Amino acid sequence: MATTKKFYFYVLLCADNTLYGGFTTDVAKRVATHNAAKGAKYTKPKTRRPVKLLFHEEFTTKTAALQAEWHFKHQPREDKLEFLQKHGVQVRLR
């Protein structure tokens, strides 16, 4: 029996109170990679770590997950916060 690969769009709260959206096939592993400064360039600076997972959403196709990431990244911060609120996430700034 074949397993269906899952793809995820996720949102992190960085230590400097910025939001980061990304794509992965393994959310826990990817968050650990970000916190080890081996993730995206954006989360490498010490001022952005540690990061905290705020939200993730599962998709059945890579394209759909990447589209969700793209749309999130191309919004103003206020819209990102509204998106999170609509998905039941209360953002508590550090």
N, C-alpha and C. Protein backbone atom coordinates (compact mmCIF):
# COMPACT_ATOMS: atom_id res chain seq x y z
N MET A 1 0.85 -1.18 0.00
CA MET A 1 0.00 0.00 0.00
C MET A 1 0.89 1.25 0.00
N ALA A 2 0.71 2.11 -0.96
CA ALA A 2 1.52 3.32 -1.09
C ALA A 2 1.03 4.40 -0.12
N THR A 3 1.99 5.10 0.46
CA THR A 3 1.63 6.21 1.32
C THR A 3 1.65 7.49 0.50
N THR A 4 0.75 8.37 0.83
CA THR A 4 0.66 9.64 0.14
C THR A 4 1.59 10.63 0.81
N LYS A 5 2.45 11.25 0.02
CA LYS A 5 3.37 12.25 0.56
C LYS A 5 2.58 13.49 0.93
N LYS A 6 2.95 14.08 2.05
CA LYS A 6 2.28 15.28 2.54
C LYS A 6 3.23 16.47 2.44
N PHE A 7 2.65 17.62 2.18
CA PHE A 7 3.40 18.86 2.04
C PHE A 7 2.76 19.88 2.99
N TYR A 8 3.60 20.73 3.55
CA TYR A 8 3.12 21.68 4.56
C TYR A 8 3.59 23.10 4.28
N PHE A 9 2.69 24.02 4.56
CA PHE A 9 3.01 25.44 4.66
C PHE A 9 3.03 25.71 6.16
N TYR A 10 4.02 26.45 6.65
CA TYR A 10 4.11 26.73 8.07
C TYR A 10 4.48 28.18 8.31
N VAL A 11 4.16 28.66 9.52
CA VAL A 11 4.49 30.03 9.92
C VAL A 11 5.23 29.98 11.25
N LEU A 12 6.34 30.71 11.29
CA LEU A 12 7.15 30.81 12.50
C LEU A 12 7.08 32.22 13.06
N LEU A 13 7.17 32.32 14.39
CA LEU A 13 7.39 33.60 15.05
C LEU A 13 8.86 33.60 15.44
N CYS A 14 9.59 34.56 14.92
CA CYS A 14 11.02 34.68 15.21
C CYS A 14 11.23 35.47 16.50
N ALA A 15 12.40 35.32 17.09
CA ALA A 15 12.72 36.00 18.36
C ALA A 15 12.63 37.51 18.26
N ASP A 16 12.80 38.06 17.05
CA ASP A 16 12.70 39.51 16.87
C ASP A 16 11.27 39.94 16.52
N ASN A 17 10.30 39.05 16.76
CA ASN A 17 8.87 39.30 16.54
C ASN A 17 8.47 39.41 15.07
N THR A 18 9.32 38.96 14.18
CA THR A 18 8.93 38.91 12.77
C THR A 18 8.30 37.55 12.49
N LEU A 19 7.57 37.49 11.39
CA LEU A 19 6.92 36.25 10.98
C LEU A 19 7.62 35.69 9.76
N TYR A 20 7.76 34.38 9.72
CA TYR A 20 8.39 33.72 8.58
C TYR A 20 7.48 32.60 8.10
N GLY A 21 7.22 32.56 6.82
CA GLY A 21 6.42 31.49 6.22
C GLY A 21 7.30 30.60 5.38
N GLY A 22 7.07 29.30 5.45
CA GLY A 22 7.89 28.37 4.69
C GLY A 22 7.11 27.15 4.23
N PHE A 23 7.84 26.26 3.55
CA PHE A 23 7.30 25.04 2.98
C PHE A 23 8.19 23.88 3.40
N THR A 24 7.59 22.72 3.69
CA THR A 24 8.36 21.54 4.07
C THR A 24 7.53 20.28 3.90
N THR A 25 8.21 19.15 4.03
CA THR A 25 7.52 17.86 4.09
C THR A 25 7.57 17.29 5.50
N ASP A 26 8.31 17.94 6.40
CA ASP A 26 8.44 17.50 7.79
C ASP A 26 8.56 18.73 8.68
N VAL A 27 7.45 19.12 9.30
CA VAL A 27 7.39 20.37 10.06
C VAL A 27 8.35 20.37 11.25
N ALA A 28 8.32 19.34 12.06
CA ALA A 28 9.18 19.30 13.26
C ALA A 28 10.65 19.36 12.89
N LYS A 29 11.04 18.61 11.89
CA LYS A 29 12.44 18.61 11.46
C LYS A 29 12.85 19.99 10.93
N ARG A 30 11.95 20.62 10.19
CA ARG A 30 12.26 21.93 9.60
C ARG A 30 12.41 23.01 10.68
N VAL A 31 11.54 22.99 11.68
CA VAL A 31 11.65 23.96 12.78
C VAL A 31 12.98 23.76 13.51
N ALA A 32 13.35 22.51 13.75
CA ALA A 32 14.63 22.23 14.39
C ALA A 32 15.79 22.74 13.54
N THR A 33 15.68 22.60 12.24
CA THR A 33 16.72 23.08 11.32
C THR A 33 16.84 24.60 11.41
N HIS A 34 15.70 25.29 11.44
CA HIS A 34 15.72 26.75 11.60
C HIS A 34 16.41 27.13 12.91
N ASN A 35 16.05 26.46 14.00
CA ASN A 35 16.61 26.79 15.30
C ASN A 35 18.09 26.45 15.41
N ALA A 36 18.58 25.58 14.54
CA ALA A 36 20.01 25.24 14.50
C ALA A 36 20.77 26.16 13.55
N ALA A 37 20.11 27.20 13.05
CA ALA A 37 20.69 28.18 12.12
C ALA A 37 21.11 27.54 10.80
N LYS A 38 20.44 26.47 10.44
CA LYS A 38 20.74 25.80 9.18
C LYS A 38 19.55 25.82 8.23
N GLY A 39 18.54 26.61 8.57
CA GLY A 39 17.37 26.73 7.73
C GLY A 39 17.57 27.83 6.72
N ALA A 40 16.56 28.59 6.47
CA ALA A 40 16.60 29.69 5.52
C ALA A 40 17.54 30.80 6.00
N LYS A 41 18.04 31.57 5.04
CA LYS A 41 18.90 32.72 5.38
C LYS A 41 18.21 33.64 6.37
N TYR A 42 16.90 33.78 6.23
CA TYR A 42 16.15 34.71 7.08
C TYR A 42 16.28 34.36 8.56
N THR A 43 16.28 33.08 8.89
CA THR A 43 16.30 32.68 10.30
C THR A 43 17.70 32.37 10.83
N LYS A 44 18.73 32.58 10.04
CA LYS A 44 20.10 32.30 10.50
C LYS A 44 20.63 33.27 11.54
N PRO A 45 20.33 34.59 11.44
CA PRO A 45 20.88 35.51 12.45
C PRO A 45 20.41 35.17 13.86
N LYS A 46 21.31 35.31 14.83
CA LYS A 46 20.98 35.02 16.23
C LYS A 46 19.79 35.84 16.73
N THR A 47 19.62 37.04 16.17
CA THR A 47 18.53 37.90 16.61
C THR A 47 17.15 37.34 16.22
N ARG A 48 17.11 36.38 15.30
CA ARG A 48 15.83 35.81 14.86
C ARG A 48 15.54 34.47 15.53
N ARG A 49 16.48 33.94 16.27
CA ARG A 49 16.31 32.65 16.91
C ARG A 49 16.28 32.80 18.42
N PRO A 50 15.53 31.93 19.10
CA PRO A 50 14.84 30.78 18.56
C PRO A 50 13.55 31.16 17.85
N VAL A 51 13.11 30.27 16.99
CA VAL A 51 11.84 30.46 16.32
C VAL A 51 10.81 29.56 16.98
N LYS A 52 9.55 29.95 16.86
CA LYS A 52 8.44 29.19 17.46
C LYS A 52 7.41 28.91 16.36
N LEU A 53 7.00 27.67 16.23
CA LEU A 53 5.98 27.31 15.26
C LEU A 53 4.63 27.85 15.71
N LEU A 54 4.00 28.66 14.86
CA LEU A 54 2.68 29.21 15.17
C LEU A 54 1.56 28.46 14.46
N PHE A 55 1.83 28.01 13.25
CA PHE A 55 0.77 27.47 12.40
C PHE A 55 1.38 26.56 11.34
N HIS A 56 0.65 25.52 11.00
CA HIS A 56 1.01 24.73 9.82
C HIS A 56 -0.27 24.17 9.22
N GLU A 57 -0.22 23.99 7.92
CA GLU A 57 -1.37 23.48 7.17
C GLU A 57 -0.87 22.43 6.20
N GLU A 58 -1.58 21.32 6.14
CA GLU A 58 -1.20 20.20 5.28
C GLU A 58 -1.85 20.32 3.90
N PHE A 59 -1.09 19.96 2.87
CA PHE A 59 -1.56 19.95 1.49
C PHE A 59 -1.21 18.62 0.85
N THR A 60 -1.99 18.22 -0.12
CA THR A 60 -1.72 16.95 -0.82
C THR A 60 -0.79 17.14 -2.00
N THR A 61 -0.57 18.38 -2.43
CA THR A 61 0.36 18.62 -3.53
C THR A 61 1.39 19.67 -3.12
N LYS A 62 2.57 19.51 -3.68
CA LYS A 62 3.65 20.46 -3.43
C LYS A 62 3.27 21.84 -3.95
N THR A 63 2.65 21.88 -5.11
CA THR A 63 2.24 23.15 -5.72
C THR A 63 1.32 23.94 -4.79
N ALA A 64 0.34 23.28 -4.20
CA ALA A 64 -0.61 23.96 -3.32
C ALA A 64 0.09 24.53 -2.09
N ALA A 65 1.02 23.77 -1.51
CA ALA A 65 1.75 24.24 -0.33
C ALA A 65 2.64 25.43 -0.69
N LEU A 66 3.31 25.35 -1.84
CA LEU A 66 4.16 26.46 -2.27
C LEU A 66 3.35 27.71 -2.59
N GLN A 67 2.16 27.53 -3.13
CA GLN A 67 1.28 28.68 -3.39
C GLN A 67 0.86 29.34 -2.09
N ALA A 68 0.53 28.55 -1.08
CA ALA A 68 0.15 29.11 0.22
C ALA A 68 1.31 29.90 0.81
N GLU A 69 2.52 29.34 0.71
CA GLU A 69 3.71 30.04 1.20
C GLU A 69 3.89 31.36 0.46
N TRP A 70 3.81 31.35 -0.85
CA TRP A 70 4.01 32.55 -1.67
C TRP A 70 3.01 33.63 -1.29
N HIS A 71 1.74 33.25 -1.17
CA HIS A 71 0.71 34.24 -0.83
C HIS A 71 0.96 34.85 0.55
N PHE A 72 1.34 34.03 1.50
CA PHE A 72 1.61 34.54 2.84
C PHE A 72 2.78 35.51 2.83
N LYS A 73 3.86 35.14 2.16
CA LYS A 73 5.07 35.97 2.15
C LYS A 73 4.87 37.31 1.44
N HIS A 74 3.91 37.38 0.57
CA HIS A 74 3.70 38.61 -0.20
C HIS A 74 2.54 39.46 0.33
N GLN A 75 2.30 39.36 1.62
CA GLN A 75 1.28 40.17 2.28
C GLN A 75 1.95 41.11 3.27
N PRO A 76 1.32 42.24 3.55
CA PRO A 76 1.83 43.08 4.64
C PRO A 76 1.66 42.36 5.99
N ARG A 77 2.42 42.75 6.97
CA ARG A 77 2.38 42.12 8.30
C ARG A 77 0.96 42.10 8.87
N GLU A 78 0.22 43.17 8.72
CA GLU A 78 -1.13 43.23 9.27
C GLU A 78 -2.01 42.11 8.68
N ASP A 79 -1.85 41.86 7.39
CA ASP A 79 -2.62 40.79 6.75
C ASP A 79 -2.17 39.41 7.21
N LYS A 80 -0.88 39.27 7.46
CA LYS A 80 -0.36 38.00 7.98
C LYS A 80 -0.96 37.72 9.36
N LEU A 81 -0.99 38.75 10.21
CA LEU A 81 -1.57 38.59 11.55
C LEU A 81 -3.06 38.27 11.46
N GLU A 82 -3.76 38.90 10.52
CA GLU A 82 -5.18 38.62 10.32
C GLU A 82 -5.38 37.18 9.84
N PHE A 83 -4.54 36.72 8.93
CA PHE A 83 -4.60 35.34 8.46
C PHE A 83 -4.47 34.38 9.64
N LEU A 84 -3.48 34.62 10.50
CA LEU A 84 -3.27 33.75 11.65
C LEU A 84 -4.46 33.77 12.60
N GLN A 85 -5.00 34.97 12.83
CA GLN A 85 -6.15 35.09 13.71
C GLN A 85 -7.35 34.32 13.16
N LYS A 86 -7.57 34.41 11.85
CA LYS A 86 -8.68 33.68 11.22
C LYS A 86 -8.51 32.17 11.33
N HIS A 87 -7.28 31.74 11.51
CA HIS A 87 -6.99 30.31 11.66
C HIS A 87 -6.81 29.91 13.12
N GLY A 88 -7.28 30.77 14.03
CA GLY A 88 -7.30 30.44 15.45
C GLY A 88 -5.98 30.59 16.18
N VAL A 89 -5.05 31.35 15.59
CA VAL A 89 -3.74 31.52 16.21
C VAL A 89 -3.68 32.89 16.88
N GLN A 90 -3.43 32.88 18.17
CA GLN A 90 -3.23 34.12 18.90
C GLN A 90 -1.73 34.38 18.97
N VAL A 91 -1.29 35.43 18.31
CA VAL A 91 0.14 35.75 18.29
C VAL A 91 0.48 36.56 19.52
N ARG A 92 1.34 35.99 20.35
CA ARG A 92 1.83 36.70 21.54
C ARG A 92 3.26 37.11 21.27
N LEU A 93 3.47 38.37 21.08
CA LEU A 93 4.81 38.86 20.78
C LEU A 93 5.70 38.69 21.99
N ARG A 94 6.95 38.42 21.75
CA ARG A 94 7.93 38.15 22.82
C ARG A 94 8.48 39.42 23.39
